[in-house]
Amino acid sequence: MSRTAKTVFAFGVYVTALGIILVLSPNTLLAIFGVPPTTEVWIRVLGVIVGVLGGYYTQAARHELTPFFRVTIWGRAIVFLMFGAFVMLGSAPPALLLFGVVDLLGAIWTAAALSSQPRAV
C-alpha cells in the first residue's frame, strides 16, 4: 500500500468508527455537541451511510484508486469549510469544528503524500 493509500485507509477507519458509533450509540456522540438525546431513527440512518462511506475509503485505499484519493482532498476540505460556516452562523455548536479539523488535517495529509508520489504517465 502506498503512502497516499495509507492516509486514505486511516481516514476510512476513522469514518467507519464514527458510523458504528452513530448506529450503536448515537446519543454518546450527540452529547459531545450538547444535543439532546434522541430516539429518532435518522441519526442511525446517517450512521449507516457514514459507515458505508468509510468502507469506500478503505477499499479505495486497498486498491490504490488515485483518482478517488484526489477527489477526497477537495471533499474533506469542503466539509471543514461547511462545518465552519454552520458554527459561524450559529446553526451548530463549536464542537462540530473538531470533526471539520479532522477532515481538513486528513485532506492535508493525503495531499502531501500524493504530491510526493511520482505521477503515472
C-alpha atoms as a PDB file:
ATOM      1  CA  MET A   1       0.000   0.000   0.000  1.00  0.00           C
ATOM      2  CA  SER A   2       1.420   3.393  -0.994  1.00  0.00           C
ATOM      3  CA  ARG A   3       1.933   6.193   1.495  1.00  0.00           C
ATOM      4  CA  THR A   4      -1.033   8.042  -0.014  1.00  0.00           C
ATOM      5  CA  ALA A   5      -3.246   4.966   0.222  1.00  0.00           C
ATOM      6  CA  LYS A   6      -2.323   4.595   3.887  1.00  0.00           C
ATOM      7  CA  THR A   7      -3.598   8.122   4.598  1.00  0.00           C
ATOM      8  CA  VAL A   8      -6.910   7.348   2.926  1.00  0.00           C
ATOM      9  CA  PHE A   9      -7.124   3.969   4.661  1.00  0.00           C
ATOM     10  CA  ALA A  10      -6.574   5.601   8.071  1.00  0.00           C
ATOM     11  CA  PHE A  11      -9.271   8.169   7.340  1.00  0.00           C
ATOM     12  CA  GLY A  12     -11.587   5.359   6.236  1.00  0.00           C
ATOM     13  CA  VAL A  13     -11.085   3.548   9.531  1.00  0.00           C
ATOM     14  CA  TYR A  14     -11.909   6.780  11.392  1.00  0.00           C
ATOM     15  CA  VAL A  15     -15.075   7.348   9.327  1.00  0.00           C
ATOM     16  CA  THR A  16     -16.140   3.715   9.737  1.00  0.00           C
ATOM     17  CA  ALA A  17     -15.715   4.016  13.507  1.00  0.00           C
ATOM     18  CA  LEU A  18     -17.879   7.151  13.534  1.00  0.00           C
ATOM     19  CA  GLY A  19     -20.531   5.293  11.571  1.00  0.00           C
ATOM     20  CA  ILE A  20     -20.515   2.404  14.029  1.00  0.00           C
ATOM     21  CA  ILE A  21     -20.848   4.796  16.977  1.00  0.00           C
ATOM     22  CA  LEU A  22     -23.779   6.560  15.287  1.00  0.00           C
ATOM     23  CA  VAL A  23     -25.537   3.233  14.703  1.00  0.00           C
ATOM     24  CA  LEU A  24     -24.878   1.640  18.091  1.00  0.00           C
ATOM     25  CA  SER A  25     -24.775   4.606  20.463  1.00  0.00           C
ATOM     26  CA  PRO A  26     -25.734   7.842  18.711  1.00  0.00           C
ATOM     27  CA  ASN A  27     -26.506   9.727  21.904  1.00  0.00           C
ATOM     28  CA  THR A  28     -22.900   9.314  23.040  1.00  0.00           C
ATOM     29  CA  LEU A  29     -21.776  11.368  20.065  1.00  0.00           C
ATOM     30  CA  LEU A  30     -24.669  13.819  20.319  1.00  0.00           C
ATOM     31  CA  ALA A  31     -23.774  14.533  23.959  1.00  0.00           C
ATOM     32  CA  ILE A  32     -20.370  15.849  22.827  1.00  0.00           C
ATOM     33  CA  PHE A  33     -22.243  18.547  20.918  1.00  0.00           C
ATOM     34  CA  GLY A  34     -24.684  19.305  23.699  1.00  0.00           C
ATOM     35  CA  VAL A  35     -27.522  17.969  21.551  1.00  0.00           C
ATOM     36  CA  PRO A  36     -30.402  16.406  23.493  1.00  0.00           C
ATOM     37  CA  PRO A  37     -30.680  12.616  23.302  1.00  0.00           C
ATOM     38  CA  THR A  38     -32.843  11.278  20.514  1.00  0.00           C
ATOM     39  CA  THR A  39     -34.813   8.160  19.780  1.00  0.00           C
ATOM     40  CA  GLU A  40     -35.295   9.139  16.131  1.00  0.00           C
ATOM     41  CA  VAL A  41     -34.004   6.600  13.641  1.00  0.00           C
ATOM     42  CA  TRP A  42     -32.427   9.238  11.369  1.00  0.00           C
ATOM     43  CA  ILE A  43     -29.215   9.552  13.339  1.00  0.00           C
ATOM     44  CA  ARG A  44     -28.721   5.788  12.981  1.00  0.00           C
ATOM     45  CA  VAL A  45     -29.551   6.007   9.264  1.00  0.00           C
ATOM     46  CA  LEU A  46     -26.796   8.615   8.994  1.00  0.00           C
ATOM     47  CA  GLY A  47     -24.508   6.208  10.858  1.00  0.00           C
ATOM     48  CA  VAL A  48     -25.116   3.523   8.241  1.00  0.00           C
ATOM     49  CA  ILE A  49     -24.324   5.991   5.448  1.00  0.00           C
ATOM     50  CA  VAL A  50     -21.180   7.221   7.221  1.00  0.00           C
ATOM     51  CA  GLY A  51     -20.051   3.642   7.874  1.00  0.00           C
ATOM     52  CA  VAL A  52     -20.536   2.688   4.226  1.00  0.00           C
ATOM     53  CA  LEU A  53     -18.600   5.794   3.191  1.00  0.00           C
ATOM     54  CA  GLY A  54     -15.770   4.639   5.459  1.00  0.00           C
ATOM     55  CA  GLY A  55     -15.851   1.310   3.655  1.00  0.00           C
ATOM     56  CA  TYR A  56     -15.445   3.110   0.339  1.00  0.00           C
ATOM     57  CA  TYR A  57     -12.363   4.871   1.687  1.00  0.00           C
ATOM     58  CA  THR A  58     -10.729   1.690   2.986  1.00  0.00           C
ATOM     59  CA  GLN A  59     -11.436  -0.279  -0.187  1.00  0.00           C
ATOM     60  CA  ALA A  60     -10.260   2.550  -2.440  1.00  0.00           C
ATOM     61  CA  ALA A  61      -7.038   2.625  -0.428  1.00  0.00           C
ATOM     62  CA  ARG A  62      -6.557  -1.137  -0.709  1.00  0.00           C
ATOM     63  CA  HIS A  63      -6.937  -0.883  -4.488  1.00  0.00           C
ATOM     64  CA  GLU A  64      -4.777   2.246  -4.913  1.00  0.00           C
ATOM     65  CA  LEU A  65      -7.554   4.289  -6.545  1.00  0.00           C
ATOM     66  CA  THR A  66      -5.580   7.501  -7.001  1.00  0.00           C
ATOM     67  CA  PRO A  67      -8.425   9.453  -8.683  1.00  0.00           C
ATOM     68  CA  PHE A  68     -10.513   8.758  -5.574  1.00  0.00           C
ATOM     69  CA  PHE A  69      -7.656   9.978  -3.361  1.00  0.00           C
ATOM     70  CA  ARG A  70      -7.567  13.275  -5.265  1.00  0.00           C
ATOM     71  CA  VAL A  71     -11.301  13.869  -5.031  1.00  0.00           C
ATOM     72  CA  THR A  72     -11.335  13.176  -1.278  1.00  0.00           C
ATOM     73  CA  ILE A  73      -8.919  16.041  -0.715  1.00  0.00           C
ATOM     74  CA  TRP A  74     -11.480  18.504  -2.055  1.00  0.00           C
ATOM     75  CA  GLY A  75     -14.384  16.783  -0.337  1.00  0.00           C
ATOM     76  CA  ARG A  76     -12.756  16.819   3.075  1.00  0.00           C
ATOM     77  CA  ALA A  77     -11.736  20.475   2.683  1.00  0.00           C
ATOM     78  CA  ILE A  78     -15.353  21.321   1.825  1.00  0.00           C
ATOM     79  CA  VAL A  79     -16.540  19.501   4.963  1.00  0.00           C
ATOM     80  CA  PHE A  80     -14.243  21.720   7.032  1.00  0.00           C
ATOM     81  CA  LEU A  81     -15.496  24.885   5.324  1.00  0.00           C
ATOM     82  CA  MET A  82     -19.163  23.944   5.676  1.00  0.00           C
ATOM     83  CA  PHE A  83     -18.843  22.900   9.324  1.00  0.00           C
ATOM     84  CA  GLY A  84     -17.096  26.224   9.974  1.00  0.00           C
ATOM     85  CA  ALA A  85     -19.944  28.063   8.264  1.00  0.00           C
ATOM     86  CA  PHE A  86     -22.542  26.189  10.328  1.00  0.00           C
ATOM     87  CA  VAL A  87     -20.737  27.191  13.526  1.00  0.00           C
ATOM     88  CA  MET A  88     -20.285  30.822  12.431  1.00  0.00           C
ATOM     89  CA  LEU A  89     -23.984  31.079  11.558  1.00  0.00           C
ATOM     90  CA  GLY A  90     -24.929  29.707  14.970  1.00  0.00           C
ATOM     91  CA  SER A  91     -26.557  26.608  13.487  1.00  0.00           C
ATOM     92  CA  ALA A  92     -24.136  24.206  15.161  1.00  0.00           C
ATOM     93  CA  PRO A  93     -22.082  24.136  18.352  1.00  0.00           C
ATOM     94  CA  PRO A  94     -18.349  24.921  18.146  1.00  0.00           C
ATOM     95  CA  ALA A  95     -17.536  21.277  18.937  1.00  0.00           C
ATOM     96  CA  LEU A  96     -18.533  20.442  15.352  1.00  0.00           C
ATOM     97  CA  LEU A  97     -15.301  22.120  14.282  1.00  0.00           C
ATOM     98  CA  LEU A  98     -13.403  19.192  15.824  1.00  0.00           C
ATOM     99  CA  PHE A  99     -14.778  16.929  13.118  1.00  0.00           C
ATOM    100  CA  GLY A 100     -14.091  19.534  10.462  1.00  0.00           C
ATOM    101  CA  VAL A 101     -10.496  19.889  11.617  1.00  0.00           C
ATOM    102  CA  VAL A 102     -10.004  16.114  11.441  1.00  0.00           C
ATOM    103  CA  ASP A 103     -11.281  16.200   7.853  1.00  0.00           C
ATOM    104  CA  LEU A 104      -9.025  19.123   6.946  1.00  0.00           C
ATOM    105  CA  LEU A 105      -5.933  17.570   8.530  1.00  0.00           C
ATOM    106  CA  GLY A 106      -6.692  14.297   6.769  1.00  0.00           C
ATOM    107  CA  ALA A 107      -7.016  16.142   3.461  1.00  0.00           C
ATOM    108  CA  ILE A 108      -3.699  17.920   4.008  1.00  0.00           C
ATOM    109  CA  TRP A 109      -2.017  14.622   4.947  1.00  0.00           C
ATOM    110  CA  THR A 110      -3.340  12.943   1.797  1.00  0.00           C
ATOM    111  CA  ALA A 111      -2.387  15.915  -0.401  1.00  0.00           C
ATOM    112  CA  ALA A 112       1.153  15.928   0.993  1.00  0.00           C
ATOM    113  CA  ALA A 113       1.523  12.192   0.429  1.00  0.00           C
ATOM    114  CA  LEU A 114       0.085  12.475  -3.075  1.00  0.00           C
ATOM    115  CA  SER A 115       2.403  15.327  -4.040  1.00  0.00           C
ATOM    116  CA  SER A 116       5.451  13.294  -3.019  1.00  0.00           C
ATOM    117  CA  GLN A 117       4.281  10.315  -5.081  1.00  0.00           C
ATOM    118  CA  PRO A 118       5.535  10.033  -8.681  1.00  0.00           C
ATOM    119  CA  ARG A 119       2.740  10.678 -11.199  1.00  0.00           C
ATOM    120  CA  ALA A 120       1.803   7.905 -13.579  1.00  0.00           C
ATOM    121  CA  VAL A 121       2.171   8.749 -17.253  1.00  0.00           C
END
